[in-house]
Amino acid sequence: MAKDFAKAFYKSKKWQDCRQSFIDERTLIDGGLCQICHKKLGYIVHHKVMLNASNITDASISLNFDNLMFVCKDCHDNLPGHGVGNKEPKKYFFDESGQIFPTPPLKKNCE
């Protein structure tokens, strides 16, 4: 979910056109595969330099193909500052009968 300062930017025609053009280019290059895992189709156009209130109006950051990546949701969620992949996993869980067990290690989807 976009932060408040970024909502207007992500709805703008400039961003929508840039995003679609980037996806079209990636589709021509490799069929639109995730640029991290190269296994799944891209789903999100990610800014390598995260947008913030002071750089969002700088087109060399917000609209520059060199600062964009087309990534699948799983890889995006594992990037710093994005999604669930950056939370520390729970170390224990309870089964249906209330017994406590260590949580098995998670397998990353993009490996």
PDB file of N, CA and C in Angstrom:
ATOM      1  N   MET A   1       0.856  -1.177   0.000  1.00  0.00           N
ATOM      2  CA  MET A   1       0.000   0.000   0.000  1.00  0.00           C
ATOM      3  C   MET A   1       0.894   1.229   0.000  1.00  0.00           C
ATOM      4  N   ALA A   2       0.592   2.137  -0.876  1.00  0.00           N
ATOM      5  CA  ALA A   2       1.390   3.363  -0.998  1.00  0.00           C
ATOM      6  C   ALA A   2       1.213   4.248   0.224  1.00  0.00           C
ATOM      7  N   LYS A   3       2.298   4.902   0.581  1.00  0.00           N
ATOM      8  CA  LYS A   3       2.231   5.864   1.681  1.00  0.00           C
ATOM      9  C   LYS A   3       1.467   7.089   1.202  1.00  0.00           C
ATOM     10  N   ASP A   4       0.954   7.868   2.145  1.00  0.00           N
ATOM     11  CA  ASP A   4       0.117   9.015   1.805  1.00  0.00           C
ATOM     12  C   ASP A   4       0.799   9.963   0.817  1.00  0.00           C
ATOM     13  N   PHE A   5       2.082  10.252   1.011  1.00  0.00           N
ATOM     14  CA  PHE A   5       2.766  11.205   0.131  1.00  0.00           C
ATOM     15  C   PHE A   5       2.884  10.677  -1.300  1.00  0.00           C
ATOM     16  N   ALA A   6       2.748   9.354  -1.489  1.00  0.00           N
ATOM     17  CA  ALA A   6       2.967   8.756  -2.803  1.00  0.00           C
ATOM     18  C   ALA A   6       1.684   8.411  -3.554  1.00  0.00           C
ATOM     19  N   LYS A   7       0.556   8.502  -2.915  1.00  0.00           N
ATOM     20  CA  LYS A   7      -0.696   8.065  -3.555  1.00  0.00           C
ATOM     21  C   LYS A   7      -0.982   8.822  -4.846  1.00  0.00           C
ATOM     22  N   ALA A   8      -0.833  10.137  -4.844  1.00  0.00           N
ATOM     23  CA  ALA A   8      -1.095  10.925  -6.052  1.00  0.00           C
ATOM     24  C   ALA A   8      -0.099  10.554  -7.156  1.00  0.00           C
ATOM     25  N   PHE A   9       1.155  10.331  -6.801  1.00  0.00           N
ATOM     26  CA  PHE A   9       2.164   9.952  -7.793  1.00  0.00           C
ATOM     27  C   PHE A   9       1.781   8.643  -8.478  1.00  0.00           C
ATOM     28  N   TYR A  10       1.429   7.620  -7.699  1.00  0.00           N
ATOM     29  CA  TYR A  10       1.111   6.314  -8.280  1.00  0.00           C
ATOM     30  C   TYR A  10      -0.167   6.336  -9.114  1.00  0.00           C
ATOM     31  N   LYS A  11      -1.022   7.317  -8.906  1.00  0.00           N
ATOM     32  CA  LYS A  11      -2.231   7.462  -9.724  1.00  0.00           C
ATOM     33  C   LYS A  11      -2.001   8.356 -10.941  1.00  0.00           C
ATOM     34  N   SER A  12      -0.839   9.005 -11.011  1.00  0.00           N
ATOM     35  CA  SER A  12      -0.578   9.971 -12.085  1.00  0.00           C
ATOM     36  C   SER A  12      -0.391   9.280 -13.434  1.00  0.00           C
ATOM     37  N   LYS A  13      -0.733  10.001 -14.500  1.00  0.00           N
ATOM     38  CA  LYS A  13      -0.548   9.492 -15.853  1.00  0.00           C
ATOM     39  C   LYS A  13       0.928   9.279 -16.152  1.00  0.00           C
ATOM     40  N   LYS A  14       1.795  10.167 -15.648  1.00  0.00           N
ATOM     41  CA  LYS A  14       3.235  10.004 -15.886  1.00  0.00           C
ATOM     42  C   LYS A  14       3.723   8.659 -15.350  1.00  0.00           C
ATOM     43  N   TRP A  15       3.331   8.328 -14.117  1.00  0.00           N
ATOM     44  CA  TRP A  15       3.761   7.061 -13.539  1.00  0.00           C
ATOM     45  C   TRP A  15       3.122   5.887 -14.276  1.00  0.00           C
ATOM     46  N   GLN A  16       1.838   5.959 -14.553  1.00  0.00           N
ATOM     47  CA  GLN A  16       1.150   4.865 -15.236  1.00  0.00           C
ATOM     48  C   GLN A  16       1.785   4.592 -16.603  1.00  0.00           C
ATOM     49  N   ASP A  17       2.102   5.650 -17.332  1.00  0.00           N
ATOM     50  CA  ASP A  17       2.755   5.485 -18.640  1.00  0.00           C
ATOM     51  C   ASP A  17       4.165   4.918 -18.495  1.00  0.00           C
ATOM     52  N   CYS A  18       4.926   5.447 -17.540  1.00  0.00           N
ATOM     53  CA  CYS A  18       6.290   4.965 -17.293  1.00  0.00           C
ATOM     54  C   CYS A  18       6.273   3.492 -16.899  1.00  0.00           C
ATOM     55  N   ARG A  19       5.393   3.147 -15.974  1.00  0.00           N
ATOM     56  CA  ARG A  19       5.270   1.774 -15.488  1.00  0.00           C
ATOM     57  C   ARG A  19       4.952   0.834 -16.640  1.00  0.00           C
ATOM     58  N   GLN A  20       3.951   1.184 -17.458  1.00  0.00           N
ATOM     59  CA  GLN A  20       3.568   0.312 -18.562  1.00  0.00           C
ATOM     60  C   GLN A  20       4.680   0.186 -19.588  1.00  0.00           C
ATOM     61  N   SER A  21       5.354   1.284 -19.868  1.00  0.00           N
ATOM     62  CA  SER A  21       6.469   1.255 -20.811  1.00  0.00           C
ATOM     63  C   SER A  21       7.599   0.355 -20.298  1.00  0.00           C
ATOM     64  N   PHE A  22       7.874   0.425 -18.988  1.00  0.00           N
ATOM     65  CA  PHE A  22       8.916  -0.420 -18.401  1.00  0.00           C
ATOM     66  C   PHE A  22       8.516  -1.897 -18.484  1.00  0.00           C
ATOM     67  N   ILE A  23       7.260  -2.201 -18.155  1.00  0.00           N
ATOM     68  CA  ILE A  23       6.781  -3.583 -18.242  1.00  0.00           C
ATOM     69  C   ILE A  23       6.875  -4.075 -19.692  1.00  0.00           C
ATOM     70  N   ASP A  24       6.480  -3.229 -20.643  1.00  0.00           N
ATOM     71  CA  ASP A  24       6.568  -3.614 -22.057  1.00  0.00           C
ATOM     72  C   ASP A  24       8.017  -3.915 -22.457  1.00  0.00           C
ATOM     73  N   GLU A  25       8.959  -3.091 -21.992  1.00  0.00           N
ATOM     74  CA  GLU A  25      10.370  -3.330 -22.299  1.00  0.00           C
ATOM     75  C   GLU A  25      10.851  -4.640 -21.698  1.00  0.00           C
ATOM     76  N   ARG A  26      10.497  -4.887 -20.443  1.00  0.00           N
ATOM     77  CA  ARG A  26      10.912  -6.129 -19.779  1.00  0.00           C
ATOM     78  C   ARG A  26      10.292  -7.338 -20.475  1.00  0.00           C
ATOM     79  N   THR A  27       9.081  -7.198 -20.961  1.00  0.00           N
ATOM     80  CA  THR A  27       8.422  -8.292 -21.672  1.00  0.00           C
ATOM     81  C   THR A  27       9.171  -8.618 -22.962  1.00  0.00           C
ATOM     82  N   LEU A  28       9.651  -7.602 -23.652  1.00  0.00           N
ATOM     83  CA  LEU A  28      10.439  -7.831 -24.868  1.00  0.00           C
ATOM     84  C   LEU A  28      11.788  -8.473 -24.555  1.00  0.00           C
ATOM     85  N   ILE A  29      12.370  -8.123 -23.415  1.00  0.00           N
ATOM     86  CA  ILE A  29      13.698  -8.626 -23.051  1.00  0.00           C
ATOM     87  C   ILE A  29      13.655 -10.096 -22.643  1.00  0.00           C
ATOM     88  N   ASP A  30      12.764 -10.429 -21.709  1.00  0.00           N
ATOM     89  CA  ASP A  30      12.772 -11.799 -21.168  1.00  0.00           C
ATOM     90  C   ASP A  30      11.378 -12.356 -20.903  1.00  0.00           C
ATOM     91  N   GLY A  31      10.386 -11.795 -21.562  1.00  0.00           N
ATOM     92  CA  GLY A  31       9.028 -12.282 -21.363  1.00  0.00           C
ATOM     93  C   GLY A  31       8.372 -11.735 -20.114  1.00  0.00           C
ATOM     94  N   GLY A  32       9.038 -10.806 -19.430  1.00  0.00           N
ATOM     95  CA  GLY A  32       8.473 -10.210 -18.223  1.00  0.00           C
ATOM     96  C   GLY A  32       8.775 -10.981 -16.950  1.00  0.00           C
ATOM     97  N   LEU A  33       9.866 -11.738 -16.956  1.00  0.00           N
ATOM     98  CA  LEU A  33      10.232 -12.497 -15.761  1.00  0.00           C
ATOM     99  C   LEU A  33      10.714 -11.578 -14.642  1.00  0.00           C
ATOM    100  N   CYS A  34      10.545 -12.044 -13.411  1.00  0.00           N
ATOM    101  CA  CYS A  34      11.059 -11.340 -12.234  1.00  0.00           C
ATOM    102  C   CYS A  34      12.566 -11.149 -12.412  1.00  0.00           C
ATOM    103  N   GLN A  35      13.029  -9.933 -12.186  1.00  0.00           N
ATOM    104  CA  GLN A  35      14.448  -9.636 -12.364  1.00  0.00           C
ATOM    105  C   GLN A  35      15.301 -10.136 -11.207  1.00  0.00           C
ATOM    106  N   ILE A  36      14.689 -10.680 -10.178  1.00  0.00           N
ATOM    107  CA  ILE A  36      15.467 -11.234  -9.070  1.00  0.00           C
ATOM    108  C   ILE A  36      15.565 -12.753  -9.195  1.00  0.00           C
ATOM    109  N   CYS A  37      14.431 -13.444  -9.198  1.00  0.00           N
ATOM    110  CA  CYS A  37      14.471 -14.911  -9.216  1.00  0.00           C
ATOM    111  C   CYS A  37      14.485 -15.496 -10.629  1.00  0.00           C
ATOM    112  N   HIS A  38      14.025 -14.749 -11.609  1.00  0.00           N
ATOM    113  CA  HIS A  38      13.976 -15.200 -13.002  1.00  0.00           C
ATOM    114  C   HIS A  38      13.146 -16.467 -13.179  1.00  0.00           C
ATOM    115  N   LYS A  39      12.213 -16.722 -12.251  1.00  0.00           N
ATOM    116  CA  LYS A  39      11.381 -17.921 -12.323  1.00  0.00           C
ATOM    117  C   LYS A  39       9.907 -17.596 -12.524  1.00  0.00           C
ATOM    118  N   LYS A  40       9.443 -16.545 -11.877  1.00  0.00           N
ATOM    119  CA  LYS A  40       8.036 -16.159 -11.970  1.00  0.00           C
ATOM    120  C   LYS A  40       7.921 -14.904 -12.815  1.00  0.00           C
ATOM    121  N   LEU A  41       6.705 -14.638 -13.275  1.00  0.00           N
ATOM    122  CA  LEU A  41       6.466 -13.405 -14.007  1.00  0.00           C
ATOM    123  C   LEU A  41       6.502 -12.225 -13.044  1.00  0.00           C
ATOM    124  N   GLY A  42       6.989 -11.108 -13.539  1.00  0.00           N
ATOM    125  CA  GLY A  42       6.975  -9.895 -12.741  1.00  0.00           C
ATOM    126  C   GLY A  42       5.553  -9.485 -12.420  1.00  0.00           C
ATOM    127  N   TYR A  43       5.398  -8.791 -11.313  1.00  0.00           N
ATOM    128  CA  TYR A  43       4.079  -8.384 -10.843  1.00  0.00           C
ATOM    129  C   TYR A  43       4.084  -6.929 -10.394  1.00  0.00           C
ATOM    130  N   ILE A  44       5.230  -6.463  -9.865  1.00  0.00           N
ATOM    131  CA  ILE A  44       5.347  -5.129  -9.289  1.00  0.00           C
ATOM    132  C   ILE A  44       6.552  -4.429  -9.909  1.00  0.00           C
ATOM    133  N   VAL A  45       6.367  -3.172 -10.290  1.00  0.00           N
ATOM    134  CA  VAL A  45       7.502  -2.352 -10.707  1.00  0.00           C
ATOM    135  C   VAL A  45       8.033  -1.701  -9.439  1.00  0.00           C
ATOM    136  N   HIS A  46       9.245  -2.086  -9.075  1.00  0.00           N
ATOM    137  CA  HIS A  46       9.869  -1.678  -7.810  1.00  0.00           C
ATOM    138  C   HIS A  46      10.904  -0.585  -8.058  1.00  0.00           C
ATOM    139  N   HIS A  47      10.929   0.417  -7.191  1.00  0.00           N
ATOM    140  CA  HIS A  47      11.970   1.451  -7.226  1.00  0.00           C
ATOM    141  C   HIS A  47      13.159   0.965  -6.397  1.00  0.00           C
ATOM    142  N   LYS A  48      14.329   0.872  -7.016  1.00  0.00           N
ATOM    143  CA  LYS A  48      15.535   0.449  -6.294  1.00  0.00           C
ATOM    144  C   LYS A  48      15.872   1.440  -5.182  1.00  0.00           C
ATOM    145  N   VAL A  49      15.842   2.730  -5.501  1.00  0.00           N
ATOM    146  CA  VAL A  49      15.971   3.770  -4.483  1.00  0.00           C
ATOM    147  C   VAL A  49      14.549   4.071  -4.050  1.00  0.00           C
ATOM    148  N   MET A  50      14.229   3.743  -2.808  1.00  0.00           N
ATOM    149  CA  MET A  50      12.859   3.912  -2.331  1.00  0.00           C
ATOM    150  C   MET A  50      12.420   5.363  -2.435  1.00  0.00           C
ATOM    151  N   LEU A  51      11.178   5.531  -2.843  1.00  0.00           N
ATOM    152  CA  LEU A  51      10.626   6.874  -2.925  1.00  0.00           C
ATOM    153  C   LEU A  51      10.310   7.390  -1.534  1.00  0.00           C
ATOM    154  N   ASN A  52      10.584   8.681  -1.339  1.00  0.00           N
ATOM    155  CA  ASN A  52      10.221   9.329  -0.085  1.00  0.00           C
ATOM    156  C   ASN A  52       9.675  10.712  -0.434  1.00  0.00           C
ATOM    157  N   ALA A  53       9.229  11.426   0.573  1.00  0.00           N
ATOM    158  CA  ALA A  53       8.584  12.721   0.340  1.00  0.00           C
ATOM    159  C   ALA A  53       9.505  13.718  -0.346  1.00  0.00           C
ATOM    160  N   SER A  54      10.807  13.583  -0.182  1.00  0.00           N
ATOM    161  CA  SER A  54      11.716  14.563  -0.782  1.00  0.00           C
ATOM    162  C   SER A  54      12.215  14.177  -2.172  1.00  0.00           C
ATOM    163  N   ASN A  55      12.138  12.898  -2.563  1.00  0.00           N
ATOM    164  CA  ASN A  55      12.654  12.534  -3.885  1.00  0.00           C
ATOM    165  C   ASN A  55      11.572  12.120  -4.879  1.00  0.00           C
ATOM    166  N   ILE A  56      10.340  12.055  -4.452  1.00  0.00           N
ATOM    167  CA  ILE A  56       9.278  11.562  -5.329  1.00  0.00           C
ATOM    168  C   ILE A  56       9.035  12.469  -6.529  1.00  0.00           C
ATOM    169  N   THR A  57       9.361  13.747  -6.405  1.00  0.00           N
ATOM    170  CA  THR A  57       9.186  14.675  -7.527  1.00  0.00           C
ATOM    171  C   THR A  57      10.414  14.747  -8.429  1.00  0.00           C
ATOM    172  N   ASP A  58      11.463  14.012  -8.095  1.00  0.00           N
ATOM    173  CA  ASP A  58      12.686  13.955  -8.898  1.00  0.00           C
ATOM    174  C   ASP A  58      12.534  12.839  -9.931  1.00  0.00           C
ATOM    175  N   ALA A  59      12.279  13.222 -11.185  1.00  0.00           N
ATOM    176  CA  ALA A  59      12.039  12.231 -12.235  1.00  0.00           C
ATOM    177  C   ALA A  59      13.229  11.302 -12.452  1.00  0.00           C
ATOM    178  N   SER A  60      14.444  11.749 -12.111  1.00  0.00           N
ATOM    179  CA  SER A  60      15.614  10.875 -12.279  1.00  0.00           C
ATOM    180  C   SER A  60      15.586   9.715 -11.283  1.00  0.00           C
ATOM    181  N   ILE A  61      14.729   9.813 -10.289  1.00  0.00           N
ATOM    182  CA  ILE A  61      14.550   8.717  -9.330  1.00  0.00           C
ATOM    183  C   ILE A  61      13.201   8.025  -9.554  1.00  0.00           C
ATOM    184  N   SER A  62      12.142   8.807  -9.629  1.00  0.00           N
ATOM    185  CA  SER A  62      10.805   8.221  -9.661  1.00  0.00           C
ATOM    186  C   SER A  62      10.387   7.673 -11.025  1.00  0.00           C
ATOM    187  N   LEU A  63      10.930   8.209 -12.105  1.00  0.00           N
ATOM    188  CA  LEU A  63      10.507   7.802 -13.452  1.00  0.00           C
ATOM    189  C   LEU A  63      11.648   7.282 -14.316  1.00  0.00           C
ATOM    190  N   ASN A  64      12.767   6.955 -13.725  1.00  0.00           N
ATOM    191  CA  ASN A  64      13.965   6.535 -14.451  1.00  0.00           C
ATOM    192  C   ASN A  64      14.030   5.009 -14.518  1.00  0.00           C
ATOM    193  N   PHE A  65      14.062   4.450 -15.733  1.00  0.00           N
ATOM    194  CA  PHE A  65      14.142   2.994 -15.897  1.00  0.00           C
ATOM    195  C   PHE A  65      15.329   2.394 -15.146  1.00  0.00           C
ATOM    196  N   ASP A  66      16.431   3.144 -15.017  1.00  0.00           N
ATOM    197  CA  ASP A  66      17.606   2.629 -14.305  1.00  0.00           C
ATOM    198  C   ASP A  66      17.329   2.411 -12.826  1.00  0.00           C
ATOM    199  N   ASN A  67      16.271   3.025 -12.300  1.00  0.00           N
ATOM    200  CA  ASN A  67      15.913   2.872 -10.890  1.00  0.00           C
ATOM    201  C   ASN A  67      14.738   1.921 -10.704  1.00  0.00           C
ATOM    202  N   LEU A  68      14.346   1.229 -11.758  1.00  0.00           N
ATOM    203  CA  LEU A  68      13.193   0.338 -11.674  1.00  0.00           C
ATOM    204  C   LEU A  68      13.586  -1.117 -11.857  1.00  0.00           C
ATOM    205  N   MET A  69      12.801  -1.989 -11.238  1.00  0.00           N
ATOM    206  CA  MET A  69      12.934  -3.438 -11.410  1.00  0.00           C
ATOM    207  C   MET A  69      11.534  -4.015 -11.509  1.00  0.00           C
ATOM    208  N   PHE A  70      11.365  -5.035 -12.345  1.00  0.00           N
ATOM    209  CA  PHE A  70      10.100  -5.747 -12.457  1.00  0.00           C
ATOM    210  C   PHE A  70      10.274  -7.046 -11.686  1.00  0.00           C
ATOM    211  N   VAL A  71       9.540  -7.180 -10.593  1.00  0.00           N
ATOM    212  CA  VAL A  71       9.743  -8.315  -9.690  1.00  0.00           C
ATOM    213  C   VAL A  71       8.418  -8.996  -9.345  1.00  0.00           C
ATOM    214  N   CYS A  72       8.501 -10.269  -9.011  1.00  0.00           N
ATOM    215  CA  CYS A  72       7.310 -10.991  -8.550  1.00  0.00           C
ATOM    216  C   CYS A  72       6.971 -10.535  -7.128  1.00  0.00           C
ATOM    217  N   LYS A  73       5.785 -10.833  -6.690  1.00  0.00           N
ATOM    218  CA  LYS A  73       5.344 -10.389  -5.362  1.00  0.00           C
ATOM    219  C   LYS A  73       6.213 -10.981  -4.259  1.00  0.00           C
ATOM    220  N   ASP A  74       6.561 -12.258  -4.382  1.00  0.00           N
ATOM    221  CA  ASP A  74       7.372 -12.894  -3.335  1.00  0.00           C
ATOM    222  C   ASP A  74       8.725 -12.205  -3.188  1.00  0.00           C
ATOM    223  N   CYS A  75       9.396 -11.949  -4.303  1.00  0.00           N
ATOM    224  CA  CYS A  75      10.694 -11.267  -4.230  1.00  0.00           C
ATOM    225  C   CYS A  75      10.529  -9.847  -3.705  1.00  0.00           C
ATOM    226  N   HIS A  76       9.479  -9.150  -4.147  1.00  0.00           N
ATOM    227  CA  HIS A  76       9.238  -7.785  -3.667  1.00  0.00           C
ATOM    228  C   HIS A  76       9.038  -7.776  -2.155  1.00  0.00           C
ATOM    229  N   ASP A  77       8.279  -8.735  -1.645  1.00  0.00           N
ATOM    230  CA  ASP A  77       8.002  -8.777  -0.214  1.00  0.00           C
ATOM    231  C   ASP A  77       9.253  -9.064   0.612  1.00  0.00           C
ATOM    232  N   ASN A  78      10.281  -9.606  -0.029  1.00  0.00           N
ATOM    233  CA  ASN A  78      11.526  -9.891   0.678  1.00  0.00           C
ATOM    234  C   ASN A  78      12.548  -8.763   0.573  1.00  0.00           C
ATOM    235  N   LEU A  79      12.226  -7.716  -0.170  1.00  0.00           N
ATOM    236  CA  LEU A  79      13.137  -6.570  -0.272  1.00  0.00           C
ATOM    237  C   LEU A  79      13.052  -5.717   0.994  1.00  0.00           C
ATOM    238  N   PRO A  80      14.142  -5.095   1.399  1.00  0.00           N
ATOM    239  CA  PRO A  80      14.125  -4.271   2.613  1.00  0.00           C
ATOM    240  C   PRO A  80      13.035  -3.209   2.561  1.00  0.00           C
ATOM    241  N   GLY A  81      12.259  -3.140   3.643  1.00  0.00           N
ATOM    242  CA  GLY A  81      11.213  -2.138   3.760  1.00  0.00           C
ATOM    243  C   GLY A  81       9.916  -2.488   3.062  1.00  0.00           C
ATOM    244  N   HIS A  82       9.806  -3.702   2.539  1.00  0.00           N
ATOM    245  CA  HIS A  82       8.602  -4.090   1.799  1.00  0.00           C
ATOM    246  C   HIS A  82       8.076  -5.422   2.310  1.00  0.00           C
ATOM    247  N   GLY A  83       6.797  -5.472   2.555  1.00  0.00           N
ATOM    248  CA  GLY A  83       6.104  -6.735   2.744  1.00  0.00           C
ATOM    249  C   GLY A  83       6.499  -7.567   3.940  1.00  0.00           C
ATOM    250  N   VAL A  84       6.048  -8.804   3.886  1.00  0.00           N
ATOM    251  CA  VAL A  84       6.135  -9.720   5.012  1.00  0.00           C
ATOM    252  C   VAL A  84       7.485 -10.390   5.161  1.00  0.00           C
ATOM    253  N   GLY A  85       8.295 -10.404   4.135  1.00  0.00           N
ATOM    254  CA  GLY A  85       9.554 -11.133   4.184  1.00  0.00           C
ATOM    255  C   GLY A  85      10.579 -10.544   5.123  1.00  0.00           C
ATOM    256  N   ASN A  86      10.313  -9.359   5.633  1.00  0.00           N
ATOM    257  CA  ASN A  86      11.291  -8.695   6.482  1.00  0.00           C
ATOM    258  C   ASN A  86      10.939  -8.739   7.963  1.00  0.00           C
ATOM    259  N   LYS A  87       9.884  -9.454   8.294  1.00  0.00           N
ATOM    260  CA  LYS A  87       9.524  -9.602   9.696  1.00  0.00           C
ATOM    261  C   LYS A  87      10.203 -10.849  10.255  1.00  0.00           C
ATOM    262  N   GLU A  88      10.573 -10.781  11.492  1.00  0.00           N
ATOM    263  CA  GLU A  88      11.203 -11.949  12.101  1.00  0.00           C
ATOM    264  C   GLU A  88      10.156 -13.043  12.262  1.00  0.00           C
ATOM    265  N   PRO A  89      10.441 -14.247  11.759  1.00  0.00           N
ATOM    266  CA  PRO A  89       9.446 -15.315  11.852  1.00  0.00           C
ATOM    267  C   PRO A  89       9.231 -15.759  13.294  1.00  0.00           C
ATOM    268  N   LYS A  90       8.043 -16.268  13.540  1.00  0.00           N
ATOM    269  CA  LYS A  90       7.735 -16.799  14.873  1.00  0.00           C
ATOM    270  C   LYS A  90       8.578 -18.043  15.102  1.00  0.00           C
ATOM    271  N   LYS A  91       9.077 -18.188  16.320  1.00  0.00           N
ATOM    272  CA  LYS A  91       9.960 -19.306  16.631  1.00  0.00           C
ATOM    273  C   LYS A  91       9.214 -20.551  17.077  1.00  0.00           C
ATOM    274  N   TYR A  92       7.970 -20.379  17.530  1.00  0.00           N
ATOM    275  CA  TYR A  92       7.177 -21.502  18.024  1.00  0.00           C
ATOM    276  C   TYR A  92       5.749 -21.368  17.539  1.00  0.00           C
ATOM    277  N   PHE A  93       5.035 -22.496  17.500  1.00  0.00           N
ATOM    278  CA  PHE A  93       3.607 -22.475  17.193  1.00  0.00           C
ATOM    279  C   PHE A  93       2.917 -23.521  18.048  1.00  0.00           C
ATOM    280  N   PHE A  94       1.600 -23.383  18.174  1.00  0.00           N
ATOM    281  CA  PHE A  94       0.787 -24.328  18.929  1.00  0.00           C
ATOM    282  C   PHE A  94      -0.038 -25.160  17.958  1.00  0.00           C
ATOM    283  N   ASP A  95      -0.081 -26.485  18.184  1.00  0.00           N
ATOM    284  CA  ASP A  95      -0.930 -27.321  17.348  1.00  0.00           C
ATOM    285  C   ASP A  95      -2.365 -27.286  17.870  1.00  0.00           C
ATOM    286  N   GLU A  96      -3.259 -28.064  17.246  1.00  0.00           N
ATOM    287  CA  GLU A  96      -4.676 -28.047  17.604  1.00  0.00           C
ATOM    288  C   GLU A  96      -4.932 -28.442  19.056  1.00  0.00           C
ATOM    289  N   SER A  97      -4.048 -29.265  19.622  1.00  0.00           N
ATOM    290  CA  SER A  97      -4.250 -29.714  21.005  1.00  0.00           C
ATOM    291  C   SER A  97      -3.564 -28.805  22.023  1.00  0.00           C
ATOM    292  N   GLY A  98      -2.914 -27.757  21.548  1.00  0.00           N
ATOM    293  CA  GLY A  98      -2.277 -26.815  22.473  1.00  0.00           C
ATOM    294  C   GLY A  98      -0.818 -27.112  22.763  1.00  0.00           C
ATOM    295  N   GLN A  99      -0.246 -28.128  22.113  1.00  0.00           N
ATOM    296  CA  GLN A  99       1.162 -28.454  22.307  1.00  0.00           C
ATOM    297  C   GLN A  99       2.030 -27.429  21.569  1.00  0.00           C
ATOM    298  N   ILE A 100       3.135 -27.042  22.184  1.00  0.00           N
ATOM    299  CA  ILE A 100       4.031 -26.069  21.563  1.00  0.00           C
ATOM    300  C   ILE A 100       5.134 -26.801  20.801  1.00  0.00           C
ATOM    301  N   PHE A 101       5.457 -26.280  19.607  1.00  0.00           N
ATOM    302  CA  PHE A 101       6.488 -26.863  18.756  1.00  0.00           C
ATOM    303  C   PHE A 101       7.326 -25.746  18.149  1.00  0.00           C
ATOM    304  N   PRO A 102       8.616 -26.032  17.871  1.00  0.00           N
ATOM    305  CA  PRO A 102       9.416 -25.045  17.143  1.00  0.00           C
ATOM    306  C   PRO A 102       8.893 -24.930  15.707  1.00  0.00           C
ATOM    307  N   THR A 103       8.915 -23.737  15.182  1.00  0.00           N
ATOM    308  CA  THR A 103       8.485 -23.510  13.806  1.00  0.00           C
ATOM    309  C   THR A 103       9.563 -24.019  12.859  1.00  0.00           C
ATOM    310  N   PRO A 104       9.172 -24.836  11.874  1.00  0.00           N
ATOM    311  CA  PRO A 104      10.178 -25.295  10.908  1.00  0.00           C
ATOM    312  C   PRO A 104      10.697 -24.122  10.095  1.00  0.00           C
ATOM    313  N   PRO A 105      11.939 -24.203   9.612  1.00  0.00           N
ATOM    314  CA  PRO A 105      12.487 -23.114   8.803  1.00  0.00           C
ATOM    315  C   PRO A 105      11.637 -22.892   7.549  1.00  0.00           C
ATOM    316  N   LEU A 106      11.477 -21.613   7.189  1.00  0.00           N
ATOM    317  CA  LEU A 106      10.705 -21.260   6.000  1.00  0.00           C
ATOM    318  C   LEU A 106      11.567 -21.395   4.769  1.00  0.00           C
ATOM    319  N   LYS A 107      10.973 -21.880   3.696  1.00  0.00           N
ATOM    320  CA  LYS A 107      11.654 -21.914   2.411  1.00  0.00           C
ATOM    321  C   LYS A 107      11.289 -20.641   1.684  1.00  0.00           C
ATOM    322  N   LYS A 108      12.271 -19.953   1.141  1.00  0.00           N
ATOM    323  CA  LYS A 108      12.005 -18.743   0.370  1.00  0.00           C
ATOM    324  C   LYS A 108      11.487 -19.150  -1.005  1.00  0.00           C
ATOM    325  N   ASN A 109      10.448 -18.454  -1.456  1.00  0.00           N
ATOM    326  CA  ASN A 109       9.811 -18.780  -2.718  1.00  0.00           C
ATOM    327  C   ASN A 109      10.663 -18.442  -3.925  1.00  0.00           C
ATOM    328  N   CYS A 110      11.597 -17.544  -3.791  1.00  0.00           N
ATOM    329  CA  CYS A 110      12.333 -17.053  -4.960  1.00  0.00           C
ATOM    330  C   CYS A 110      13.723 -17.659  -5.061  1.00  0.00           C
ATOM    331  N   GLU A 111      13.973 -18.760  -4.474  1.00  0.00           N
ATOM    332  CA  GLU A 111      15.306 -19.370  -4.582  1.00  0.00           C
ATOM    333  C   GLU A 111      15.264 -20.550  -5.516  1.00  0.00           C
TER     334      GLU A 111
END
